[in-house]
């Protein structure tokens, strides 16, 4: 994932046709399976972000 390597504190997830709820669920599942500690998914309105804790 580019976000993990970038070192950025947060990033907007865009460029997908998925509904926000489906996108959040999928990203959370991937982050759990890859044990990406310190990264979480946040939904604000219709926008989805990856956030480093």
C-alpha atoms as a PDB file:
ATOM      1  CA  UNK A   1       0.000   0.000   0.000  1.00  0.00           C
ATOM      2  CA  UNK A   2       1.364   3.385  -0.930  1.00  0.00           C
ATOM      3  CA  UNK A   3      -0.034   4.986   2.228  1.00  0.00           C
ATOM      4  CA  UNK A   4       1.916   2.654   4.511  1.00  0.00           C
ATOM      5  CA  UNK A   5       5.183   3.456   2.732  1.00  0.00           C
ATOM      6  CA  UNK A   6       4.515   7.196   2.424  1.00  0.00           C
ATOM      7  CA  UNK A   7       4.726   8.119   6.093  1.00  0.00           C
ATOM      8  CA  UNK A   8       1.804  10.548   5.662  1.00  0.00           C
ATOM      9  CA  UNK A   9      -0.479  11.043   8.656  1.00  0.00           C
ATOM     10  CA  UNK A  10      -3.711  10.621   6.657  1.00  0.00           C
ATOM     11  CA  UNK A  11      -4.891  10.029   3.106  1.00  0.00           C
ATOM     12  CA  UNK A  12      -8.213  10.325   1.314  1.00  0.00           C
ATOM     13  CA  UNK A  13      -9.293   7.110  -0.414  1.00  0.00           C
ATOM     14  CA  UNK A  14     -10.759   7.942  -3.809  1.00  0.00           C
ATOM     15  CA  UNK A  15     -11.097   6.580  -7.313  1.00  0.00           C
ATOM     16  CA  UNK A  16     -13.428   3.705  -6.486  1.00  0.00           C
ATOM     17  CA  UNK A  17     -17.031   2.970  -7.401  1.00  0.00           C
ATOM     18  CA  UNK A  18     -17.722   1.249  -4.077  1.00  0.00           C
ATOM     19  CA  UNK A  19     -20.265   2.605  -1.628  1.00  0.00           C
ATOM     20  CA  UNK A  20     -18.597   4.232   1.414  1.00  0.00           C
ATOM     21  CA  UNK A  21     -19.809   1.565   3.872  1.00  0.00           C
ATOM     22  CA  UNK A  22     -18.587  -1.274   1.633  1.00  0.00           C
ATOM     23  CA  UNK A  23     -15.244   0.471   1.131  1.00  0.00           C
ATOM     24  CA  UNK A  24     -14.730   0.961   4.883  1.00  0.00           C
ATOM     25  CA  UNK A  25     -15.559  -2.688   5.632  1.00  0.00           C
ATOM     26  CA  UNK A  26     -13.190  -3.932   2.934  1.00  0.00           C
ATOM     27  CA  UNK A  27     -10.320  -1.703   4.018  1.00  0.00           C
ATOM     28  CA  UNK A  28     -10.723  -2.702   7.658  1.00  0.00           C
ATOM     29  CA  UNK A  29     -10.636  -6.375   6.695  1.00  0.00           C
ATOM     30  CA  UNK A  30      -7.440  -5.882   4.665  1.00  0.00           C
ATOM     31  CA  UNK A  31      -5.751  -3.891   7.444  1.00  0.00           C
ATOM     32  CA  UNK A  32      -6.630  -6.590   9.995  1.00  0.00           C
ATOM     33  CA  UNK A  33      -5.337  -9.412   7.774  1.00  0.00           C
ATOM     34  CA  UNK A  34      -2.075  -7.571   7.086  1.00  0.00           C
ATOM     35  CA  UNK A  35      -1.675  -6.606  10.748  1.00  0.00           C
ATOM     36  CA  UNK A  36      -1.159  -2.949   9.846  1.00  0.00           C
ATOM     37  CA  UNK A  37      -0.821  -1.723  13.400  1.00  0.00           C
ATOM     38  CA  UNK A  38      -1.377   1.962  13.897  1.00  0.00           C
ATOM     39  CA  UNK A  39      -3.469   2.464  10.759  1.00  0.00           C
ATOM     40  CA  UNK A  40      -7.229   2.760  10.855  1.00  0.00           C
ATOM     41  CA  UNK A  41     -10.071   3.607   8.500  1.00  0.00           C
ATOM     42  CA  UNK A  42     -12.208   6.686   9.174  1.00  0.00           C
ATOM     43  CA  UNK A  43     -15.393   7.678   7.370  1.00  0.00           C
ATOM     44  CA  UNK A  44     -16.402  11.348   7.396  1.00  0.00           C
ATOM     45  CA  UNK A  45     -19.622  11.887   5.506  1.00  0.00           C
ATOM     46  CA  UNK A  46     -19.156  10.369   2.073  1.00  0.00           C
ATOM     47  CA  UNK A  47     -15.339  10.459   2.296  1.00  0.00           C
ATOM     48  CA  UNK A  48     -13.111   7.637   3.527  1.00  0.00           C
ATOM     49  CA  UNK A  49      -9.634   8.188   4.978  1.00  0.00           C
ATOM     50  CA  UNK A  50      -6.734   6.031   6.091  1.00  0.00           C
ATOM     51  CA  UNK A  51      -5.308   7.522   9.286  1.00  0.00           C
ATOM     52  CA  UNK A  52      -2.073   6.748  11.076  1.00  0.00           C
ATOM     53  CA  UNK A  53      -2.451   6.714  14.871  1.00  0.00           C
END
